[in-house]
């Protein structure tokens, strides 16, 4: 049996059971990340095509060739000083088990960089100007850290009286002296996206303890993939009734893999004489 076929069987079985030392300032990130993301998106697409080509080959060295290309991709991302390309790559491949080893390392590096920039902003005044810089440069990749700084700004402003904006300048909602909203929609959206993608990533790299905790919130909020992963983890724990409940919710939300698992688990329970599955 060829190496690529064996590897594919492992991947399908899993589905069935289912940096830098100095970081740039926010304004520098804002001015250059967009172009890099465009280039990295093209590189990721090219990488996906190459993987497809490799899996179509028939040599016993396929797996090693794929691994070599993945490691090259990983190194290119680690050498890139900006955080957003790491996040884009993690989101693109979050549900592909072939990337599990690389995803694990890149997710740790992304978290390390977010922590480093949080330490940097912890030393800065909790002002709207700094909040605007933080949001502009790091909201996509580090929403929790930006949200923490956002809370600091709100607390700081709550301690002093509110002043009127200066009439001689144009209005700027990010820096004007008006009360900050209790909830920022962009921050909330970024936090929700990060939770969902962390769920997919943790499930893919088989960190199921954390995955179950992280997946629960997006699953309860209607994320079909998170619901399917919750079903898979319940099935792995032989909690078939709970697994079917999650699979049914995911299937109702249009997830075809969840529907297949729902039918398979229900059939298995019927064969075992489980009246609840009838």
Protein backbone atom coordinates (compact mmCIF):
# COMPACT_ATOMS: atom_id res chain seq x y z
CA UNK A 1 0.00 0.00 0.00
CA UNK A 2 1.41 3.36 -0.94
CA UNK A 3 2.47 5.82 1.72
CA UNK A 4 0.09 8.54 0.63
CA UNK A 5 -2.86 6.14 0.73
CA UNK A 6 -2.00 5.02 4.28
CA UNK A 7 -1.69 8.60 5.37
CA UNK A 8 -5.07 9.44 3.81
CA UNK A 9 -6.72 6.57 5.69
CA UNK A 10 -5.37 7.93 8.96
CA UNK A 11 -6.69 11.39 8.13
CA UNK A 12 -10.13 10.05 7.17
CA UNK A 13 -10.30 7.94 10.32
CA UNK A 14 -9.63 10.99 12.41
CA UNK A 15 -12.43 12.87 10.64
CA UNK A 16 -14.84 10.05 11.14
CA UNK A 17 -14.19 10.10 14.86
CA UNK A 18 -14.91 13.41 14.62
CA UNK A 19 8.30 35.52 16.36
CA UNK A 20 10.30 37.49 16.52
CA UNK A 21 12.09 38.89 19.62
CA UNK A 22 11.03 42.46 18.81
CA UNK A 23 7.61 43.33 17.48
CA UNK A 24 6.78 46.31 15.23
CA UNK A 25 4.61 49.18 16.37
CA UNK A 26 0.91 49.06 15.56
CA UNK A 27 1.11 51.76 12.88
CA UNK A 28 3.87 49.85 11.10
CA UNK A 29 1.81 46.67 11.21
CA UNK A 30 -1.21 48.52 9.85
CA UNK A 31 0.74 49.84 6.88
CA UNK A 32 2.31 46.56 5.80
CA UNK A 33 0.21 43.63 7.03
CA UNK A 34 -2.41 43.98 4.30
CA UNK A 35 0.11 43.50 1.49
CA UNK A 36 1.73 40.60 3.31
CA UNK A 37 -1.64 38.92 3.86
CA UNK A 38 -2.33 39.16 0.15
CA UNK A 39 1.00 37.53 -0.61
CA UNK A 40 0.58 34.93 2.13
CA UNK A 41 -2.91 34.11 0.88
CA UNK A 42 -1.46 33.44 -2.57
CA UNK A 43 1.30 31.35 -1.01
CA UNK A 44 -1.21 29.33 1.00
CA UNK A 45 -3.29 28.67 -2.12
CA UNK A 46 -0.18 27.58 -3.99
CA UNK A 47 0.76 25.34 -1.07
CA UNK A 48 -2.68 23.72 -1.16
CA UNK A 49 -2.31 23.03 -4.87
CA UNK A 50 1.13 21.51 -4.31
CA UNK A 51 -0.27 19.27 -1.57
CA UNK A 52 -2.98 18.08 -3.92
CA UNK A 53 -0.32 17.33 -6.53
CA UNK A 54 1.78 15.43 -4.01
CA UNK A 55 -1.17 13.28 -2.98
CA UNK A 56 -1.71 12.42 -6.62
CA UNK A 57 1.78 10.97 -6.93
CA UNK A 58 2.65 7.36 -6.47
CA UNK A 59 6.07 7.35 -4.84
CA UNK A 60 6.77 6.02 -1.35
CA UNK A 61 8.46 9.32 -0.46
CA UNK A 62 5.26 11.39 -0.76
CA UNK A 63 4.76 11.87 2.97
CA UNK A 64 8.32 13.05 3.47
CA UNK A 65 8.04 15.48 0.56
CA UNK A 66 4.85 16.93 1.99
CA UNK A 67 6.43 17.26 5.40
CA UNK A 68 9.42 19.05 3.88
CA UNK A 69 7.16 21.57 2.14
CA UNK A 70 5.16 22.16 5.29
CA UNK A 71 8.32 22.83 7.26
CA UNK A 72 9.44 25.33 4.65
CA UNK A 73 6.07 27.07 4.90
CA UNK A 74 6.36 27.11 8.68
CA UNK A 75 9.83 28.61 8.61
CA UNK A 76 8.75 31.37 6.22
CA UNK A 77 5.97 32.32 8.63
CA UNK A 78 8.26 32.23 11.65
CA UNK A 79 10.72 34.49 9.86
CA UNK A 80 7.98 37.01 9.02
CA UNK A 81 7.83 39.62 11.85
CA UNK A 82 4.09 40.30 11.66
CA UNK A 83 1.44 38.36 13.55
CA UNK A 84 -1.51 38.43 11.16
CA UNK A 85 0.04 36.08 8.56
CA UNK A 86 0.34 33.41 11.28
CA UNK A 87 -3.31 33.84 12.18
CA UNK A 88 -4.42 33.68 8.55
CA UNK A 89 -2.47 30.46 8.05
CA UNK A 90 -3.90 28.93 11.24
CA UNK A 91 -7.43 29.77 10.17
CA UNK A 92 -6.91 28.46 6.65
CA UNK A 93 -5.67 25.04 7.78
CA UNK A 94 -7.36 24.74 11.19
CA UNK A 95 -9.26 21.57 10.24
CA UNK A 96 -6.61 19.76 8.21
CA UNK A 97 -4.90 17.02 10.28
CA UNK A 98 -1.98 16.97 7.84
CA UNK A 99 -0.94 20.33 9.28
CA UNK A 100 -1.29 19.35 12.95
CA UNK A 101 2.39 19.53 13.87
CA UNK A 102 2.96 22.85 12.09
CA UNK A 103 -0.28 24.31 13.45
CA UNK A 104 0.76 23.48 17.00
CA UNK A 105 4.05 25.34 16.68
CA UNK A 106 2.58 28.32 14.84
CA UNK A 107 -0.26 28.72 17.31
CA UNK A 108 2.24 28.83 20.17
CA UNK A 109 4.28 31.44 18.29
CA UNK A 110 1.17 33.53 17.60
CA UNK A 111 0.23 33.40 21.29
CA UNK A 112 3.78 34.30 22.29
CA UNK A 113 3.76 37.34 20.04
CA UNK A 114 0.36 38.45 21.33
CA UNK A 115 1.65 38.16 24.89
CA UNK A 116 4.77 40.15 24.01
CA UNK A 117 2.81 43.01 22.49
CA UNK A 118 0.43 42.94 25.48
CA UNK A 119 3.43 43.43 27.78
CA UNK A 120 4.52 46.34 25.61
CA UNK A 121 1.11 48.03 25.80
CA UNK A 122 0.85 47.35 29.52
CA UNK A 123 3.60 49.95 29.95
CA UNK A 124 1.75 52.54 27.87
CA UNK A 125 -0.89 54.95 29.19
CA UNK A 126 -4.47 53.69 28.90
CA UNK A 127 -5.43 56.34 26.35
CA UNK A 128 -7.71 56.29 23.34
CA UNK A 129 -4.77 57.07 21.09
CA UNK A 130 -2.95 53.94 22.25
CA UNK A 131 -6.15 51.93 22.04
CA UNK A 132 -6.60 53.04 18.43
CA UNK A 133 -3.04 51.92 17.61
CA UNK A 134 -3.53 48.60 19.38
CA UNK A 135 -6.80 47.91 17.57
CA UNK A 136 -5.43 48.89 14.19
CA UNK A 137 -2.37 46.69 14.46
CA UNK A 138 -3.44 43.66 16.49
CA UNK A 139 -7.21 43.23 16.76
CA UNK A 140 -7.29 40.52 14.09
CA UNK A 141 -4.75 38.26 15.80
CA UNK A 142 -4.89 39.30 19.46
CA UNK A 143 -8.51 40.26 20.23
CA UNK A 144 -8.39 39.16 23.88
CA UNK A 145 -5.34 41.31 24.56
CA UNK A 146 -6.87 44.30 22.76
CA UNK A 147 -10.07 43.77 24.73
CA UNK A 148 -8.10 43.85 28.00
CA UNK A 149 -6.53 47.18 27.02
CA UNK A 150 -9.98 48.42 25.98
CA UNK A 151 -11.22 47.61 29.50
CA UNK A 152 -8.27 49.54 30.98
CA UNK A 153 -9.20 52.61 28.95
CA UNK A 154 -12.81 52.41 30.06
CA UNK A 155 -11.76 52.10 33.70
CA UNK A 156 -9.36 55.02 33.38
CA UNK A 157 -11.99 57.24 31.79
CA UNK A 158 -14.55 56.29 34.44
CA UNK A 159 -12.28 57.92 37.03
CA UNK A 160 -12.30 61.34 35.39
CA UNK A 161 -15.05 63.67 34.16
CA UNK A 162 -16.04 63.58 30.50
CA UNK A 163 -14.98 66.57 28.42
CA UNK A 164 -16.60 67.82 25.24
CA UNK A 165 -14.78 67.28 21.91
CA UNK A 166 -12.87 70.23 20.56
CA UNK A 167 -15.06 72.03 18.00
CA UNK A 168 -12.14 73.12 15.81
CA UNK A 169 -11.17 69.57 14.75
CA UNK A 170 -12.95 66.80 12.89
CA UNK A 171 -14.74 64.18 14.96
CA UNK A 172 -12.82 60.97 15.60
CA UNK A 173 -14.91 58.24 17.30
CA UNK A 174 -11.77 56.41 18.45
CA UNK A 175 -10.24 59.36 20.29
CA UNK A 176 -13.03 61.84 21.04
CA UNK A 177 -13.79 62.50 24.70
CA UNK A 178 -17.16 60.74 24.71
CA UNK A 179 -17.94 57.65 26.83
CA UNK A 180 -16.73 54.38 25.34
CA UNK A 181 -19.45 51.82 24.69
CA UNK A 182 -19.65 48.98 27.17
CA UNK A 183 -19.33 46.52 24.30
CA UNK A 184 -17.39 47.18 21.11
CA UNK A 185 -18.89 45.30 18.14
CA UNK A 186 -15.59 44.90 16.31
CA UNK A 187 -13.88 43.55 19.39
CA UNK A 188 -16.78 41.18 20.09
CA UNK A 189 -16.69 39.93 16.50
CA UNK A 190 -12.94 39.37 16.64
CA UNK A 191 -13.24 37.51 19.95
CA UNK A 192 -15.97 35.27 18.54
CA UNK A 193 -13.95 34.47 15.43
CA UNK A 194 -10.89 33.65 17.53
CA UNK A 195 -12.87 31.31 19.81
CA UNK A 196 -14.32 29.43 16.85
CA UNK A 197 -10.95 29.02 15.15
CA UNK A 198 -9.27 28.00 18.40
CA UNK A 199 -11.94 25.32 18.70
CA UNK A 200 -11.20 23.95 15.22
CA UNK A 201 -7.45 24.12 15.80
CA UNK A 202 -7.45 22.40 19.19
CA UNK A 203 -9.64 19.61 17.85
CA UNK A 204 -7.39 19.11 14.83
CA UNK A 205 -4.20 18.88 16.89
CA UNK A 206 -6.03 16.53 19.27
CA UNK A 207 -5.80 18.71 22.35
CA UNK A 208 -9.27 17.45 23.25
CA UNK A 209 -9.25 18.57 26.87
CA UNK A 210 -8.95 22.22 25.91
CA UNK A 211 -10.99 21.75 22.74
CA UNK A 212 -14.04 20.63 24.70
CA UNK A 213 -13.88 23.72 26.88
CA UNK A 214 -13.17 26.15 24.03
CA UNK A 215 -15.70 24.64 21.60
CA UNK A 216 -18.64 24.81 23.98
CA UNK A 217 -19.31 28.55 23.68
CA UNK A 218 -19.29 28.78 19.87
CA UNK A 219 -21.25 25.51 19.71
CA UNK A 220 -23.93 26.90 22.02
CA UNK A 221 -24.00 30.04 19.89
CA UNK A 222 -24.76 28.03 16.75
CA UNK A 223 -21.37 27.34 15.14
CA UNK A 224 -22.01 24.14 13.16
CA UNK A 225 -18.38 22.98 13.05
CA UNK A 226 -17.98 23.54 16.77
CA UNK A 227 -21.18 21.55 17.32
CA UNK A 228 -19.82 18.71 15.18
CA UNK A 229 -16.58 18.71 17.17
CA UNK A 230 -18.54 18.59 20.42
CA UNK A 231 -20.39 15.59 19.01
CA UNK A 232 -17.15 13.90 18.01
CA UNK A 233 -15.64 14.38 21.46
CA UNK A 234 -18.80 13.04 23.12
CA UNK A 235 -18.69 10.03 20.80
CA UNK A 236 -15.06 9.39 21.68
CA UNK A 237 -16.12 9.33 25.33
CA UNK A 238 -18.91 6.89 24.42
CA UNK A 239 -21.55 9.46 25.40
CA UNK A 240 -23.66 8.58 22.40
CA UNK A 241 -26.83 10.36 23.39
CA UNK A 242 -24.95 13.63 23.84
CA UNK A 243 -23.04 13.00 20.62
CA UNK A 244 -26.29 12.59 18.71
CA UNK A 245 -27.67 15.77 20.24
CA UNK A 246 -24.68 17.80 19.03
CA UNK A 247 -24.60 16.07 15.65
CA UNK A 248 -28.29 16.79 15.19
CA UNK A 249 -27.79 20.49 15.95
CA UNK A 250 -24.85 20.69 13.55
CA UNK A 251 -26.78 18.81 10.85
CA UNK A 252 -29.71 21.19 11.28
CA UNK A 253 -27.21 23.99 10.64
CA UNK A 254 -26.16 22.38 7.36
CA UNK A 255 -23.07 20.37 8.37
CA UNK A 256 -23.05 17.27 6.12
CA UNK A 257 -20.31 15.48 8.07
CA UNK A 258 -22.37 15.81 11.23
CA UNK A 259 -25.40 14.36 9.43
CA UNK A 260 -23.33 11.36 8.35
CA UNK A 261 -22.10 10.78 11.89
CA UNK A 262 -25.61 11.20 13.27
CA UNK A 263 -26.91 8.52 10.93
CA UNK A 264 -23.97 6.22 11.70
CA UNK A 265 -24.33 6.54 15.48
CA UNK A 266 -28.10 6.10 15.28
CA UNK A 267 -27.67 2.95 13.14
CA UNK A 268 -25.10 1.58 15.54
CA UNK A 269 -27.42 2.10 18.49
CA UNK A 270 -30.32 0.47 16.64
CA UNK A 271 -28.16 -2.54 15.84
CA UNK A 272 -27.30 -2.73 19.52
CA UNK A 273 -31.00 -2.72 20.42
CA UNK A 274 -31.02 0.76 21.92
CA UNK A 275 -34.66 1.84 21.97
CA UNK A 276 -33.71 5.53 22.32
CA UNK A 277 -32.14 5.46 18.87
CA UNK A 278 -35.28 4.21 17.14
